[in-house]
PDB file of N, CA and C in Angstrom:
ATOM      1  N   MET A   1     144.590 129.487 134.030  1.00  0.00           N
ATOM      2  CA  MET A   1     143.918 128.169 135.106  1.00  0.00           C
ATOM      3  C   MET A   1     143.383 128.921 136.472  1.00  0.00           C
ATOM      4  N   ASP A   2     144.330 129.024 137.279  1.00  0.00           N
ATOM      5  CA  ASP A   2     144.251 129.183 138.797  1.00  0.00           C
ATOM      6  C   ASP A   2     143.371 130.414 138.364  1.00  0.00           C
ATOM      7  N   SER A   3     143.322 131.127 137.772  1.00  0.00           N
ATOM      8  CA  SER A   3     142.927 132.838 138.252  1.00  0.00           C
ATOM      9  C   SER A   3     140.969 132.648 137.780  1.00  0.00           C
ATOM     10  N   ASP A   4     140.674 131.295 136.863  1.00  0.00           N
ATOM     11  CA  ASP A   4     139.884 131.128 136.269  1.00  0.00           C
ATOM     12  C   ASP A   4     138.701 130.235 138.114  1.00  0.00           C
ATOM     13  N   VAL A   5     140.389 129.630 138.881  1.00  0.00           N
ATOM     14  CA  VAL A   5     139.203 129.457 140.181  1.00  0.00           C
ATOM     15  C   VAL A   5     139.278 129.636 141.005  1.00  0.00           C
ATOM     16  N   GLN A   6     140.256 130.908 140.666  1.00  0.00           N
ATOM     17  CA  GLN A   6     140.044 132.287 141.226  1.00  0.00           C
ATOM     18  C   GLN A   6     138.685 132.864 141.591  1.00  0.00           C
ATOM     19  N   THR A   7     138.161 133.275 139.987  1.00  0.00           N
ATOM     20  CA  THR A   7     137.095 133.878 139.862  1.00  0.00           C
ATOM     21  C   THR A   7     135.884 133.149 140.160  1.00  0.00           C
ATOM     22  N   ILE A   8     135.442 131.615 139.837  1.00  0.00           N
ATOM     23  CA  ILE A   8     134.467 130.753 140.193  1.00  0.00           C
ATOM     24  C   ILE A   8     134.395 131.009 142.295  1.00  0.00           C
ATOM     25  N   GLN A   9     135.421 131.181 142.795  1.00  0.00           N
ATOM     26  CA  GLN A   9     135.742 130.986 144.198  1.00  0.00           C
ATOM     27  C   GLN A   9     135.233 132.340 144.924  1.00  0.00           C
ATOM     28  N   SER A  10     135.305 133.206 144.162  1.00  0.00           N
ATOM     29  CA  SER A  10     135.018 133.869 144.116  1.00  0.00           C
ATOM     30  C   SER A  10     132.834 134.676 144.208  1.00  0.00           C
ATOM     31  N   LEU A  11     133.311 134.451 142.513  1.00  0.00           N
ATOM     32  CA  LEU A  11     131.694 133.924 142.317  1.00  0.00           C
ATOM     33  C   LEU A  11     130.679 133.055 143.830  1.00  0.00           C
ATOM     34  N   TYR A  12     131.738 131.582 143.827  1.00  0.00           N
ATOM     35  CA  TYR A  12     130.770 131.329 145.095  1.00  0.00           C
ATOM     36  C   TYR A  12     130.406 131.499 145.912  1.00  0.00           C
ATOM     37  N   GLU A  13     131.277 132.457 146.799  1.00  0.00           N
ATOM     38  CA  GLU A  13     131.559 133.241 147.625  1.00  0.00           C
ATOM     39  C   GLU A  13     130.475 134.295 148.053  1.00  0.00           C
ATOM     40  N   SER A  14     130.520 134.742 146.580  1.00  0.00           N
ATOM     41  CA  SER A  14     130.039 135.877 147.140  1.00  0.00           C
ATOM     42  C   SER A  14     128.318 135.905 147.277  1.00  0.00           C
ATOM     43  N   PHE A  15     128.377 134.807 146.361  1.00  0.00           N
ATOM     44  CA  PHE A  15     126.610 134.225 145.847  1.00  0.00           C
ATOM     45  C   PHE A  15     125.872 133.488 147.341  1.00  0.00           C
ATOM     46  N   ILE A  16     126.797 132.797 148.278  1.00  0.00           N
ATOM     47  CA  ILE A  16     126.370 132.072 149.185  1.00  0.00           C
ATOM     48  C   ILE A  16     126.262 133.513 150.321  1.00  0.00           C
ATOM     49  N   ALA A  17     127.262 133.905 150.082  1.00  0.00           N
ATOM     50  CA  ALA A  17     126.760 135.257 151.393  1.00  0.00           C
ATOM     51  C   ALA A  17     125.529 136.419 150.740  1.00  0.00           C
ATOM     52  N   ASP A  18     125.014 136.729 149.786  1.00  0.00           N
ATOM     53  CA  ASP A  18     123.924 136.583 148.726  1.00  0.00           C
ATOM     54  C   ASP A  18     122.693 135.563 149.572  1.00  0.00           C
ATOM     55  N   MET A  19     122.998 134.134 150.095  1.00  0.00           N
ATOM     56  CA  MET A  19     121.321 133.206 150.200  1.00  0.00           C
ATOM     57  C   MET A  19     121.477 134.142 151.779  1.00  0.00           C
ATOM     58  N   ILE A  20     122.874 134.175 152.654  1.00  0.00           N
ATOM     59  CA  ILE A  20     122.616 133.614 153.378  1.00  0.00           C
ATOM     60  C   ILE A  20     121.524 135.267 154.706  1.00  0.00           C
ATOM     61  N   LYS A  21     121.706 136.221 153.500  1.00  0.00           N
ATOM     62  CA  LYS A  21     121.603 137.911 153.737  1.00  0.00           C
ATOM     63  C   LYS A  21     120.045 137.366 153.161  1.00  0.00           C
ATOM     64  N   ILE A  22     119.645 137.287 152.591  1.00  0.00           N
ATOM     65  CA  ILE A  22     118.272 136.780 152.131  1.00  0.00           C
ATOM     66  C   ILE A  22     117.956 136.118 153.383  1.00  0.00           C
ATOM     67  N   ALA A  23     118.394 134.693 153.433  1.00  0.00           N
ATOM     68  CA  ALA A  23     117.554 133.348 154.375  1.00  0.00           C
ATOM     69  C   ALA A  23     118.783 133.029 155.497  1.00  0.00           C
ATOM     70  N   PRO A  24     118.734 133.864 156.504  1.00  0.00           N
ATOM     71  CA  PRO A  24     119.657 134.044 157.429  1.00  0.00           C
ATOM     72  C   PRO A  24     119.742 132.514 157.980  1.00  0.00           C
ATOM     73  N   LYS A  25     118.661 131.956 158.479  1.00  0.00           N
ATOM     74  CA  LYS A  25     117.871 130.397 158.687  1.00  0.00           C
ATOM     75  C   LYS A  25     118.677 129.495 158.576  1.00  0.00           C
ATOM     76  N   VAL A  26     118.365 129.525 156.871  1.00  0.00           N
ATOM     77  CA  VAL A  26     118.526 128.342 156.142  1.00  0.00           C
ATOM     78  C   VAL A  26     120.076 128.069 156.025  1.00  0.00           C
ATOM     79  N   GLU A  27     120.674 125.942 155.995  1.00  0.00           N
ATOM     80  CA  GLU A  27     121.985 126.737 155.286  1.00  0.00           C
ATOM     81  C   GLU A  27     121.234 126.877 153.591  1.00  0.00           C
ATOM     82  N   PRO A  28     123.453 127.303 153.327  1.00  0.00           N
ATOM     83  CA  PRO A  28     122.406 127.916 151.461  1.00  0.00           C
ATOM     84  C   PRO A  28     122.240 126.874 151.302  1.00  0.00           C
ATOM     85  N   ILE A  29     123.037 125.871 151.480  1.00  0.00           N
ATOM     86  CA  ILE A  29     123.426 124.749 150.282  1.00  0.00           C
ATOM     87  C   ILE A  29     122.391 123.867 150.703  1.00  0.00           C
ATOM     88  N   LEU A  30     121.238 123.625 151.252  1.00  0.00           N
ATOM     89  CA  LEU A  30     119.535 122.157 151.726  1.00  0.00           C
ATOM     90  C   LEU A  30     119.322 123.347 150.157  1.00  0.00           C
ATOM     91  N   LEU A  31     118.456 125.600 149.984  1.00  0.00           N
ATOM     92  CA  LEU A  31     118.109 125.826 149.238  1.00  0.00           C
ATOM     93  C   LEU A  31     118.782 125.619 147.516  1.00  0.00           C
ATOM     94  N   LEU A  32     120.081 125.546 147.628  1.00  0.00           N
ATOM     95  CA  LEU A  32     120.402 125.330 146.499  1.00  0.00           C
ATOM     96  C   LEU A  32     120.098 124.158 145.924  1.00  0.00           C
ATOM     97  N   LYS A  33     120.575 123.207 146.436  1.00  0.00           N
ATOM     98  CA  LYS A  33     120.046 121.640 146.020  1.00  0.00           C
ATOM     99  C   LYS A  33     118.619 121.216 146.050  1.00  0.00           C
ATOM    100  N   ALA A  34     117.556 121.735 146.717  1.00  0.00           N
ATOM    101  CA  ALA A  34     116.453 122.261 146.594  1.00  0.00           C
ATOM    102  C   ALA A  34     116.377 123.147 145.163  1.00  0.00           C
ATOM    103  N   MET A  35     116.536 123.685 144.592  1.00  0.00           N
ATOM    104  CA  MET A  35     116.273 125.079 143.985  1.00  0.00           C
ATOM    105  C   MET A  35     116.878 123.804 142.350  1.00  0.00           C
ATOM    106  N   ARG A  36     117.779 123.237 142.563  1.00  0.00           N
ATOM    107  CA  ARG A  36     118.365 122.586 141.460  1.00  0.00           C
ATOM    108  C   ARG A  36     117.546 121.793 141.130  1.00  0.00           C
ATOM    109  N   LEU A  37     117.040 120.721 142.439  1.00  0.00           N
ATOM    110  CA  LEU A  37     115.827 118.750 141.703  1.00  0.00           C
ATOM    111  C   LEU A  37     114.437 120.233 141.629  1.00  0.00           C
ATOM    112  N   GLU A  38     114.157 121.340 141.861  1.00  0.00           N
ATOM    113  CA  GLU A  38     113.174 121.442 140.737  1.00  0.00           C
ATOM    114  C   GLU A  38     112.811 121.614 140.380  1.00  0.00           C
ATOM    115  N   LYS A  39     114.243 123.056 139.128  1.00  0.00           N
ATOM    116  CA  LYS A  39     114.107 123.185 137.900  1.00  0.00           C
ATOM    117  C   LYS A  39     114.802 121.876 136.982  1.00  0.00           C
ATOM    118  N   MET A  40     115.496 120.875 137.739  1.00  0.00           N
ATOM    119  CA  MET A  40     115.546 119.745 137.215  1.00  0.00           C
ATOM    120  C   MET A  40     114.251 118.706 136.647  1.00  0.00           C
ATOM    121  N   PHE A  41     112.971 118.673 137.728  1.00  0.00           N
ATOM    122  CA  PHE A  41     112.290 118.237 137.953  1.00  0.00           C
ATOM    123  C   PHE A  41     111.037 118.990 138.179  1.00  0.00           C
ATOM    124  N   ASP A  42     110.921 119.665 137.074  1.00  0.00           N
ATOM    125  CA  ASP A  42     109.233 121.128 136.745  1.00  0.00           C
ATOM    126  C   ASP A  42     108.282 120.606 137.463  1.00  0.00           C
ATOM    127  N   GLY A  43     107.724 120.577 138.637  1.00  0.00           N
ATOM    128  CA  GLY A  43     106.393 120.505 139.101  1.00  0.00           C
ATOM    129  C   GLY A  43     106.799 119.419 140.094  1.00  0.00           C
ATOM    130  N   GLU A  44     107.713 119.215 140.993  1.00  0.00           N
ATOM    131  CA  GLU A  44     107.671 118.772 141.629  1.00  0.00           C
ATOM    132  C   GLU A  44     108.559 118.830 142.962  1.00  0.00           C
ATOM    133  N   SER A  45     108.278 118.569 143.950  1.00  0.00           N
ATOM    134  CA  SER A  45     108.960 119.254 145.008  1.00  0.00           C
ATOM    135  C   SER A  45     109.969 118.003 145.525  1.00  0.00           C
ATOM    136  N   PRO A  46     111.158 118.694 145.747  1.00  0.00           N
ATOM    137  CA  PRO A  46     112.454 117.461 146.206  1.00  0.00           C
ATOM    138  C   PRO A  46     111.784 116.897 147.113  1.00  0.00           C
ATOM    139  N   HIS A  47     112.942 115.858 147.431  1.00  0.00           N
ATOM    140  CA  HIS A  47     113.216 115.303 148.730  1.00  0.00           C
ATOM    141  C   HIS A  47     113.640 115.868 149.981  1.00  0.00           C
ATOM    142  N   VAL A  48     112.908 116.119 151.259  1.00  0.00           N
ATOM    143  CA  VAL A  48     114.260 116.917 151.785  1.00  0.00           C
ATOM    144  C   VAL A  48     114.012 115.900 153.366  1.00  0.00           C
ATOM    145  N   HIS A  49     115.004 115.910 153.941  1.00  0.00           N
ATOM    146  CA  HIS A  49     115.418 115.859 155.057  1.00  0.00           C
ATOM    147  C   HIS A  49     116.294 116.961 156.048  1.00  0.00           C
ATOM    148  N   MET A  50     115.560 117.629 157.184  1.00  0.00           N
ATOM    149  CA  MET A  50     115.561 118.535 157.425  1.00  0.00           C
ATOM    150  C   MET A  50     116.055 118.814 159.295  1.00  0.00           C
ATOM    151  N   GLU A  51     116.737 119.614 159.496  1.00  0.00           N
ATOM    152  CA  GLU A  51     116.695 119.484 161.142  1.00  0.00           C
ATOM    153  C   GLU A  51     116.226 120.425 161.313  1.00  0.00           C
ATOM    154  N   ILE A  52     115.388 121.041 162.432  1.00  0.00           N
ATOM    155  CA  ILE A  52     114.608 122.103 162.631  1.00  0.00           C
ATOM    156  C   ILE A  52     114.886 122.756 163.958  1.00  0.00           C
ATOM    157  N   ASP A  53     115.553 123.487 164.348  1.00  0.00           N
ATOM    158  CA  ASP A  53     115.961 124.279 164.974  1.00  0.00           C
ATOM    159  C   ASP A  53     114.953 125.161 165.949  1.00  0.00           C
ATOM    160  N   PHE A  54     114.870 125.215 166.980  1.00  0.00           N
ATOM    161  CA  PHE A  54     113.590 126.411 168.052  1.00  0.00           C
ATOM    162  C   PHE A  54     114.107 127.044 168.670  1.00  0.00           C
ATOM    163  N   THR A  55     113.606 127.646 169.493  1.00  0.00           N
ATOM    164  CA  THR A  55     114.577 128.284 170.532  1.00  0.00           C
ATOM    165  C   THR A  55     113.674 127.722 171.684  1.00  0.00           C
ATOM    166  N   ASP A  56     114.593 128.108 172.924  1.00  0.00           N
ATOM    167  CA  ASP A  56     114.349 127.061 174.061  1.00  0.00           C
ATOM    168  C   ASP A  56     112.497 127.167 174.898  1.00  0.00           C
ATOM    169  N   ASP A  57     112.072 128.135 174.123  1.00  0.00           N
ATOM    170  CA  ASP A  57     110.993 128.269 174.999  1.00  0.00           C
ATOM    171  C   ASP A  57     109.868 127.890 174.118  1.00  0.00           C
ATOM    172  N   VAL A  58     109.927 127.339 172.941  1.00  0.00           N
ATOM    173  CA  VAL A  58     109.280 126.629 172.053  1.00  0.00           C
ATOM    174  C   VAL A  58     108.137 124.833 172.746  1.00  0.00           C
ATOM    175  N   ASP A  59     106.927 124.823 172.586  1.00  0.00           N
ATOM    176  CA  ASP A  59     106.462 123.096 173.437  1.00  0.00           C
ATOM    177  C   ASP A  59     106.660 123.204 172.611  1.00  0.00           C
ATOM    178  N   ILE A  60     107.746 122.344 171.704  1.00  0.00           N
ATOM    179  CA  ILE A  60     108.140 121.151 170.302  1.00  0.00           C
ATOM    180  C   ILE A  60     106.759 120.264 169.687  1.00  0.00           C
ATOM    181  N   ASN A  61     105.597 120.437 170.193  1.00  0.00           N
ATOM    182  CA  ASN A  61     105.164 119.458 170.108  1.00  0.00           C
ATOM    183  C   ASN A  61     103.824 120.547 169.163  1.00  0.00           C
ATOM    184  N   ILE A  62     104.137 121.877 169.493  1.00  0.00           N
ATOM    185  CA  ILE A  62     103.169 122.504 168.985  1.00  0.00           C
ATOM    186  C   ILE A  62     103.206 122.268 166.852  1.00  0.00           C
ATOM    187  N   PRO A  63     104.962 123.011 167.105  1.00  0.00           N
ATOM    188  CA  PRO A  63     105.383 123.322 165.850  1.00  0.00           C
ATOM    189  C   PRO A  63     104.916 121.185 164.733  1.00  0.00           C
ATOM    190  N   LYS A  64     105.820 120.739 165.652  1.00  0.00           N
ATOM    191  CA  LYS A  64     105.938 118.686 165.185  1.00  0.00           C
ATOM    192  C   LYS A  64     104.760 118.361 164.987  1.00  0.00           C
ATOM    193  N   TYR A  65     103.530 118.817 165.025  1.00  0.00           N
ATOM    194  CA  TYR A  65     101.869 118.943 164.875  1.00  0.00           C
ATOM    195  C   TYR A  65     102.563 119.505 163.369  1.00  0.00           C
ATOM    196  N   GLN A  66     101.455 120.822 163.980  1.00  0.00           N
ATOM    197  CA  GLN A  66     101.811 121.709 162.372  1.00  0.00           C
ATOM    198  C   GLN A  66     102.533 121.799 161.494  1.00  0.00           C
ATOM    199  N   ILE A  67     103.621 121.537 161.475  1.00  0.00           N
ATOM    200  CA  ILE A  67     104.952 120.879 160.137  1.00  0.00           C
ATOM    201  C   ILE A  67     103.416 119.828 159.252  1.00  0.00           C
ATOM    202  N   SER A  68     103.834 119.022 160.004  1.00  0.00           N
ATOM    203  CA  SER A  68     103.466 117.968 159.586  1.00  0.00           C
ATOM    204  C   SER A  68     102.069 117.578 158.755  1.00  0.00           C
ATOM    205  N   GLU A  69     101.563 118.357 159.627  1.00  0.00           N
ATOM    206  CA  GLU A  69      99.910 118.771 159.537  1.00  0.00           C
ATOM    207  C   GLU A  69      99.517 119.178 157.325  1.00  0.00           C
ATOM    208  N   ASN A  70     100.370 120.335 157.987  1.00  0.00           N
ATOM    209  CA  ASN A  70     100.350 121.945 156.912  1.00  0.00           C
ATOM    210  C   ASN A  70     101.492 121.345 156.224  1.00  0.00           C
ATOM    211  N   TYR A  71     102.423 120.719 155.944  1.00  0.00           N
ATOM    212  CA  TYR A  71     102.984 120.651 154.824  1.00  0.00           C
ATOM    213  C   TYR A  71     103.466 118.765 154.338  1.00  0.00           C
ATOM    214  N   ALA A  72     102.999 118.084 155.011  1.00  0.00           N
ATOM    215  CA  ALA A  72     101.892 116.190 154.666  1.00  0.00           C
ATOM    216  C   ALA A  72     103.684 116.148 154.832  1.00  0.00           C
ATOM    217  N   VAL A  73     104.511 115.467 155.800  1.00  0.00           N
ATOM    218  CA  VAL A  73     105.492 115.690 155.535  1.00  0.00           C
ATOM    219  C   VAL A  73     105.657 114.315 157.039  1.00  0.00           C
ATOM    220  N   THR A  74     106.880 113.825 156.941  1.00  0.00           N
ATOM    221  CA  THR A  74     106.587 112.772 158.821  1.00  0.00           C
ATOM    222  C   THR A  74     107.989 114.398 159.726  1.00  0.00           C
ATOM    223  N   THR A  75     107.426 114.152 161.215  1.00  0.00           N
ATOM    224  CA  THR A  75     108.601 114.724 161.773  1.00  0.00           C
ATOM    225  C   THR A  75     108.487 113.909 162.541  1.00  0.00           C
ATOM    226  N   SER A  76     109.225 114.214 163.879  1.00  0.00           N
ATOM    227  CA  SER A  76     109.801 113.674 164.935  1.00  0.00           C
ATOM    228  C   SER A  76     110.428 114.859 165.392  1.00  0.00           C
ATOM    229  N   VAL A  77     110.466 114.734 167.217  1.00  0.00           N
ATOM    230  CA  VAL A  77     111.789 114.925 167.373  1.00  0.00           C
ATOM    231  C   VAL A  77     113.455 114.621 167.369  1.00  0.00           C
ATOM    232  N   HIS A  78     113.720 115.116 167.831  1.00  0.00           N
ATOM    233  CA  HIS A  78     115.246 115.483 167.639  1.00  0.00           C
ATOM    234  C   HIS A  78     115.595 114.116 169.377  1.00  0.00           C
ATOM    235  N   ARG A  79     116.355 112.976 168.832  1.00  0.00           N
ATOM    236  CA  ARG A  79     116.045 112.383 169.699  1.00  0.00           C
ATOM    237  C   ARG A  79     116.823 112.487 170.966  1.00  0.00           C
ATOM    238  N   TRP A  80     118.235 113.480 170.584  1.00  0.00           N
ATOM    239  CA  TRP A  80     118.654 114.227 172.504  1.00  0.00           C
ATOM    240  C   TRP A  80     118.562 115.622 172.892  1.00  0.00           C
ATOM    241  N   VAL A  81     118.230 116.614 171.265  1.00  0.00           N
ATOM    242  CA  VAL A  81     117.959 117.595 171.247  1.00  0.00           C
ATOM    243  C   VAL A  81     116.408 118.479 171.243  1.00  0.00           C
ATOM    244  N   LYS A  82     115.586 118.224 171.666  1.00  0.00           N
ATOM    245  CA  LYS A  82     114.548 118.594 172.118  1.00  0.00           C
ATOM    246  C   LYS A  82     113.523 119.600 172.338  1.00  0.00           C
ATOM    247  N   THR A  83     115.014 120.190 171.259  1.00  0.00           N
ATOM    248  CA  THR A  83     114.112 121.787 170.955  1.00  0.00           C
ATOM    249  C   THR A  83     114.060 121.266 169.236  1.00  0.00           C
ATOM    250  N   LYS A  84     114.565 120.694 168.331  1.00  0.00           N
ATOM    251  CA  LYS A  84     115.043 120.539 167.565  1.00  0.00           C
ATOM    252  C   LYS A  84     113.434 119.625 167.250  1.00  0.00           C
ATOM    253  N   LEU A  85     113.277 119.188 165.087  1.00  0.00           N
ATOM    254  CA  LEU A  85     112.197 118.771 164.868  1.00  0.00           C
ATOM    255  C   LEU A  85     113.443 118.319 163.758  1.00  0.00           C
ATOM    256  N   VAL A  86     113.092 117.150 163.520  1.00  0.00           N
ATOM    257  CA  VAL A  86     113.679 116.158 162.304  1.00  0.00           C
ATOM    258  C   VAL A  86     112.804 115.737 161.116  1.00  0.00           C
ATOM    259  N   VAL A  87     113.204 116.608 159.998  1.00  0.00           N
ATOM    260  CA  VAL A  87     111.412 116.952 159.239  1.00  0.00           C
ATOM    261  C   VAL A  87     112.083 115.514 157.885  1.00  0.00           C
ATOM    262  N   SER A  88     111.310 115.133 157.118  1.00  0.00           N
ATOM    263  CA  SER A  88     111.554 114.398 156.067  1.00  0.00           C
ATOM    264  C   SER A  88     109.851 114.793 154.951  1.00  0.00           C
ATOM    265  N   GLY A  89     110.558 114.554 154.468  1.00  0.00           N
ATOM    266  CA  GLY A  89     109.706 114.459 152.562  1.00  0.00           C
ATOM    267  C   GLY A  89     109.667 115.268 151.721  1.00  0.00           C
ATOM    268  N   LYS A  90     108.267 115.683 151.068  1.00  0.00           N
ATOM    269  CA  LYS A  90     108.706 116.204 149.722  1.00  0.00           C
ATOM    270  C   LYS A  90     108.218 117.503 150.392  1.00  0.00           C
ATOM    271  N   MET A  91     109.465 117.875 150.363  1.00  0.00           N
ATOM    272  CA  MET A  91     109.096 120.398 150.369  1.00  0.00           C
ATOM    273  C   MET A  91     110.224 121.252 149.371  1.00  0.00           C
ATOM    274  N   SER A  92     109.017 122.028 149.117  1.00  0.00           N
ATOM    275  CA  SER A  92     109.731 122.950 147.971  1.00  0.00           C
ATOM    276  C   SER A  92     110.509 124.466 148.786  1.00  0.00           C
ATOM    277  N   VAL A  93     111.154 125.082 148.145  1.00  0.00           N
ATOM    278  CA  VAL A  93     112.048 125.882 147.851  1.00  0.00           C
ATOM    279  C   VAL A  93     111.051 126.845 149.330  1.00  0.00           C
ATOM    280  N   ASP A  94     110.188 127.079 148.561  1.00  0.00           N
ATOM    281  CA  ASP A  94     109.049 127.782 149.176  1.00  0.00           C
ATOM    282  C   ASP A  94     108.589 127.787 150.583  1.00  0.00           C
ATOM    283  N   LYS A  95     108.195 126.482 150.245  1.00  0.00           N
ATOM    284  CA  LYS A  95     108.250 125.854 151.895  1.00  0.00           C
ATOM    285  C   LYS A  95     108.779 125.670 152.833  1.00  0.00           C
ATOM    286  N   ILE A  96     109.648 125.380 152.537  1.00  0.00           N
ATOM    287  CA  ILE A  96     111.501 125.076 153.499  1.00  0.00           C
ATOM    288  C   ILE A  96     111.578 127.041 153.946  1.00  0.00           C
ATOM    289  N   LEU A  97     111.654 127.858 153.017  1.00  0.00           N
ATOM    290  CA  LEU A  97     111.367 129.516 153.759  1.00  0.00           C
ATOM    291  C   LEU A  97     110.830 129.845 154.960  1.00  0.00           C
ATOM    292  N   GLU A  98     108.708 129.318 154.126  1.00  0.00           N
ATOM    293  CA  GLU A  98     107.961 129.560 154.572  1.00  0.00           C
ATOM    294  C   GLU A  98     108.102 129.563 156.375  1.00  0.00           C
ATOM    295  N   ILE A  99     108.527 127.321 156.338  1.00  0.00           N
ATOM    296  CA  ILE A  99     109.165 127.299 157.758  1.00  0.00           C
ATOM    297  C   ILE A  99     109.968 128.054 158.153  1.00  0.00           C
ATOM    298  N   ALA A 100     111.159 128.746 157.577  1.00  0.00           N
ATOM    299  CA  ALA A 100     112.064 129.598 158.288  1.00  0.00           C
ATOM    300  C   ALA A 100     111.701 130.766 158.889  1.00  0.00           C
ATOM    301  N   ASN A 101     110.687 131.470 158.008  1.00  0.00           N
ATOM    302  CA  ASN A 101     110.885 133.011 158.762  1.00  0.00           C
ATOM    303  C   ASN A 101     109.584 132.246 159.621  1.00  0.00           C
ATOM    304  N   HIS A 102     109.775 131.332 160.658  1.00  0.00           N
ATOM    305  CA  HIS A 102     109.064 131.999 161.799  1.00  0.00           C
ATOM    306  C   HIS A 102     110.029 132.232 162.844  1.00  0.00           C
ATOM    307  N   GLU A 103     109.215 133.113 164.300  1.00  0.00           N
ATOM    308  CA  GLU A 103     109.957 133.704 164.505  1.00  0.00           C
ATOM    309  C   GLU A 103     110.742 132.490 165.916  1.00  0.00           C
ATOM    310  N   LYS A 104     110.022 131.487 166.091  1.00  0.00           N
ATOM    311  CA  LYS A 104     110.377 129.763 166.612  1.00  0.00           C
ATOM    312  C   LYS A 104     111.286 129.370 165.969  1.00  0.00           C
ATOM    313  N   VAL A 105     111.127 129.785 165.257  1.00  0.00           N
ATOM    314  CA  VAL A 105     113.381 128.874 163.933  1.00  0.00           C
ATOM    315  C   VAL A 105     114.280 129.930 164.205  1.00  0.00           C
ATOM    316  N   THR A 106     114.628 128.827 164.853  1.00  0.00           N
ATOM    317  CA  THR A 106     116.483 129.847 165.084  1.00  0.00           C
ATOM    318  C   THR A 106     117.619 129.043 163.988  1.00  0.00           C
ATOM    319  N   LYS A 107     117.220 127.749 163.504  1.00  0.00           N
ATOM    320  CA  LYS A 107     118.001 127.370 162.161  1.00  0.00           C
ATOM    321  C   LYS A 107     117.939 126.541 161.612  1.00  0.00           C
ATOM    322  N   ILE A 108     117.320 126.474 160.449  1.00  0.00           N
ATOM    323  CA  ILE A 108     117.785 125.098 159.040  1.00  0.00           C
ATOM    324  C   ILE A 108     118.395 124.771 158.510  1.00  0.00           C
ATOM    325  N   ILE A 109     119.195 123.209 159.299  1.00  0.00           N
ATOM    326  CA  ILE A 109     119.307 122.757 158.105  1.00  0.00           C
ATOM    327  C   ILE A 109     119.456 120.955 157.269  1.00  0.00           C
ATOM    328  N   GLY A 110     120.269 120.493 156.647  1.00  0.00           N
ATOM    329  CA  GLY A 110     119.877 119.369 155.750  1.00  0.00           C
ATOM    330  C   GLY A 110     119.898 118.900 154.187  1.00  0.00           C
ATOM    331  N   TYR A 111     119.602 118.563 153.405  1.00  0.00           N
ATOM    332  CA  TYR A 111     119.266 118.153 152.013  1.00  0.00           C
ATOM    333  C   TYR A 111     118.744 117.257 151.274  1.00  0.00           C
ATOM    334  N   ALA A 112     118.611 117.865 150.593  1.00  0.00           N
ATOM    335  CA  ALA A 112     117.301 117.866 149.203  1.00  0.00           C
ATOM    336  C   ALA A 112     117.992 116.212 148.445  1.00  0.00           C
ATOM    337  N   ASN A 113     117.087 115.815 147.230  1.00  0.00           N
ATOM    338  CA  ASN A 113     117.397 114.583 146.810  1.00  0.00           C
ATOM    339  C   ASN A 113     116.435 114.192 145.450  1.00  0.00           C
ATOM    340  N   ALA A 114     116.605 113.768 144.241  1.00  0.00           N
ATOM    341  CA  ALA A 114     115.478 113.177 144.091  1.00  0.00           C
ATOM    342  C   ALA A 114     114.928 111.350 144.489  1.00  0.00           C
ATOM    343  N   ALA A 115     115.377 111.132 145.555  1.00  0.00           N
ATOM    344  CA  ALA A 115     115.257 109.412 145.500  1.00  0.00           C
ATOM    345  C   ALA A 115     113.133 109.721 145.828  1.00  0.00           C
ATOM    346  N   HIS A 116     112.388 110.279 145.895  1.00  0.00           N
ATOM    347  CA  HIS A 116     111.181 110.027 145.742  1.00  0.00           C
ATOM    348  C   HIS A 116     110.369 110.346 144.142  1.00  0.00           C
ATOM    349  N   TYR A 117     111.114 110.962 143.383  1.00  0.00           N
ATOM    350  CA  TYR A 117     110.856 111.288 141.575  1.00  0.00           C
ATOM    351  C   TYR A 117     110.128 110.003 141.360  1.00  0.00           C
TER     352      TYR A 117
END
């Protein structure tokens, strides 16, 4: 039995490491949860709540407006960290990765759920 657990843990750690290589700026569990929900509810995007960190030189109001307009989600500047956006709304994995690929984004963390299905 312990051998099975060790095998599963090893597979999990390897999978997470591969995800980090592919999408280094995005928390792997956020992507996993969003993908799982996309599979469960075909044709629907999961509801996400994310914190998106940007480089210090960014005018945070520009991505705040762009993300809100382009992805039809709610955006606000983090209460204490003025280079971080809090984003909430329905968003697919493709869209999360699209945002992560922006040169000024340094990290995305958050969670996905089915609350808005």
